[in-house]
Each structure stands twice: as C-alpha cells, then as structure tokens.
Amino acid sequence: MVKNVVAVLIMAIVGFSAQGQEKKNKNAKYTTEVNGNCEQCQKRIQKTAYSVPGVKSASWSIETHQLSLIINEEKASLLDVKKAIAKVGHDTDDLKATKEDYDNLHFCCQYERL
C-alpha cells in the first residue's frame, strides 16, 4: 500500500514538472528580413510587430534590415507578423506589400522594390 502511494506521488510530481517545462518552451526566436529605410520605418515595423498578439520582443535594424522577434507560438506565428508588416507597406523576405499599401508609405520610407 505504501509503495503504491509513493509511486502515485512520484508520478504526480514528474507530471507537474513536465507541464511546467512545456510552458517555458512557448516562446521562439526568429530573425527575418524587412525592407525599410529610416527611423520612421523602424518605429512602424516594430509597432506593427508588437500589435500582433503573442509578440514579446521586436527589434528592427536600419542598417541590416533584420527584424529580431520573440513570439509566443501559442498565440501567433512568424507568418502572422509578416502579414501585419506587409499590410503597413513593408516587404518581408516571403511576403510583399500590395502596391496600394506600399504607395501609402511616406516618400522617405519608400525603398527600392525588386
């Protein structure tokens, strides 16, 4: 009887610790390319990324055009962030903004599109 109680307690402790570890792994780091030119672009790109539920961190470099993200993957995906950024006029490595969204950018933010 005592062995059964001990076995159940050990299984319960192992089960709870496994659940706690799973929760820690929700956040994923990504780096992706986003086109833009200036500090105004930087503010727009970062603000848009943060507007996507689940984005914990967003930092875009003017020099490298790299957007570094930490995303809670239970709430959002990298594709969700790229779609939001394209919607405000900035091309990403996978998604292009529509001509209309790109044309709505301030003239200093309009980058050379390929």
Protein backbone atom coordinates (compact mmCIF):
# COMPACT_ATOMS: atom_id res chain seq x y z
CA MET A 1 0.00 0.00 0.00
CA VAL A 2 2.79 2.43 0.96
CA LYS A 3 4.63 1.58 -2.27
CA ASN A 4 1.53 2.42 -4.31
CA VAL A 5 1.12 5.80 -2.58
CA VAL A 6 4.80 6.63 -3.13
CA ALA A 7 4.55 5.58 -6.79
CA VAL A 8 1.48 7.79 -7.31
CA LEU A 9 3.18 10.76 -5.65
CA ILE A 10 6.31 10.35 -7.79
CA MET A 11 4.20 10.14 -10.96
CA ALA A 12 2.28 13.27 -9.95
CA ILE A 13 5.49 15.22 -9.30
CA VAL A 14 7.01 14.12 -12.61
CA GLY A 15 3.78 15.03 -14.43
CA PHE A 16 3.64 18.51 -12.93
CA SER A 17 7.31 19.23 -13.63
CA ALA A 18 6.87 18.12 -17.27
CA GLN A 19 3.93 20.52 -17.66
CA GLY A 20 6.00 23.37 -16.23
CA GLN A 21 8.78 22.70 -18.72
CA GLU A 22 6.38 22.70 -21.67
CA LYS A 23 5.13 26.17 -20.76
CA LYS A 24 8.68 27.56 -20.82
CA ASN A 25 9.13 26.48 -24.45
CA LYS A 26 6.24 28.50 -25.94
CA ASN A 27 8.47 31.40 -26.96
CA ALA A 28 10.53 31.12 -30.13
CA LYS A 29 13.20 33.45 -31.54
CA TYR A 30 13.18 34.46 -35.19
CA THR A 31 15.13 36.79 -37.45
CA THR A 32 13.65 37.86 -40.75
CA GLU A 33 14.38 40.49 -43.38
CA VAL A 34 12.07 43.51 -43.67
CA ASN A 35 12.63 46.34 -46.16
CA GLY A 36 12.68 49.93 -44.97
CA ASN A 37 14.91 53.00 -44.83
CA CYS A 38 14.75 55.13 -41.73
CA GLU A 39 13.78 55.62 -38.08
CA GLN A 40 10.19 56.25 -39.13
CA CYS A 41 10.20 52.80 -40.79
CA GLN A 42 11.79 51.32 -37.68
CA LYS A 43 9.04 52.69 -35.44
CA ARG A 44 6.30 51.50 -37.81
CA ILE A 45 7.75 48.00 -38.23
CA GLN A 46 8.32 47.48 -34.50
CA LYS A 47 4.93 48.95 -33.54
CA THR A 48 3.21 46.70 -36.08
CA ALA A 49 5.06 43.62 -34.84
CA TYR A 50 4.08 44.39 -31.24
CA SER A 51 0.45 44.80 -32.34
CA VAL A 52 0.32 41.07 -33.14
CA PRO A 53 -0.85 39.20 -30.02
CA GLY A 54 1.93 36.95 -28.75
CA VAL A 55 4.88 39.09 -29.87
CA LYS A 56 7.09 39.51 -26.81
CA SER A 57 10.01 41.35 -28.43
CA ALA A 58 10.58 43.12 -31.76
CA SER A 59 13.70 44.98 -32.85
CA TRP A 60 14.39 46.10 -36.43
CA SER A 61 17.85 47.26 -37.53
CA ILE A 62 18.01 50.13 -40.03
CA GLU A 63 21.49 49.03 -41.15
CA THR A 64 20.84 45.31 -41.70
CA HIS A 65 17.06 45.32 -42.32
CA GLN A 66 16.81 42.37 -39.91
CA LEU A 67 13.81 42.08 -37.60
CA SER A 68 14.54 40.06 -34.47
CA LEU A 69 11.46 38.65 -32.78
CA ILE A 70 10.44 36.61 -29.79
CA ILE A 71 6.97 35.15 -30.34
CA ASN A 72 4.71 33.09 -28.09
CA GLU A 73 3.84 30.43 -30.65
CA GLU A 74 0.61 29.54 -28.86
CA LYS A 75 -0.74 32.98 -29.77
CA ALA A 76 0.92 33.90 -33.08
CA SER A 77 3.25 32.72 -35.80
CA LEU A 78 6.04 34.35 -37.77
CA LEU A 79 3.68 34.41 -40.75
CA ASP A 80 1.14 36.44 -38.72
CA VAL A 81 3.81 39.07 -38.05
CA LYS A 82 4.93 39.14 -41.70
CA LYS A 83 1.33 39.62 -42.87
CA ALA A 84 0.84 42.56 -40.48
CA ILE A 85 4.11 44.18 -41.60
CA ALA A 86 3.24 43.75 -45.29
CA LYS A 87 -0.16 45.34 -44.58
CA VAL A 88 1.57 48.57 -43.44
CA GLY A 89 3.67 48.70 -46.63
CA HIS A 90 6.91 46.86 -45.87
CA ASP A 91 8.06 43.84 -47.87
CA THR A 92 9.47 40.88 -45.95
CA ASP A 93 11.62 38.06 -47.26
CA ASP A 94 8.48 35.98 -48.02
CA LEU A 95 5.63 38.46 -48.38
CA LYS A 96 5.34 41.58 -50.49
CA ALA A 97 3.16 44.51 -49.53
CA THR A 98 0.45 45.37 -52.01
CA LYS A 99 1.20 48.29 -54.31
CA GLU A 100 -1.51 50.28 -52.56
CA ASP A 101 -0.05 49.63 -49.08
CA TYR A 102 3.48 50.42 -50.32
CA ASP A 103 2.28 53.64 -52.00
CA ASN A 104 0.80 54.77 -48.65
CA LEU A 105 4.28 54.94 -47.11
CA HIS A 106 5.84 58.37 -46.69
CA PHE A 107 8.16 59.15 -49.65
CA CYS A 108 11.31 58.81 -47.49
CA CYS A 109 10.17 55.32 -46.43
CA GLN A 110 9.69 54.04 -49.97
CA TYR A 111 12.58 51.69 -50.66
CA GLU A 112 13.65 50.22 -53.98
CA ARG A 113 11.43 47.23 -54.70
CA LEU A 114 12.63 44.31 -56.79
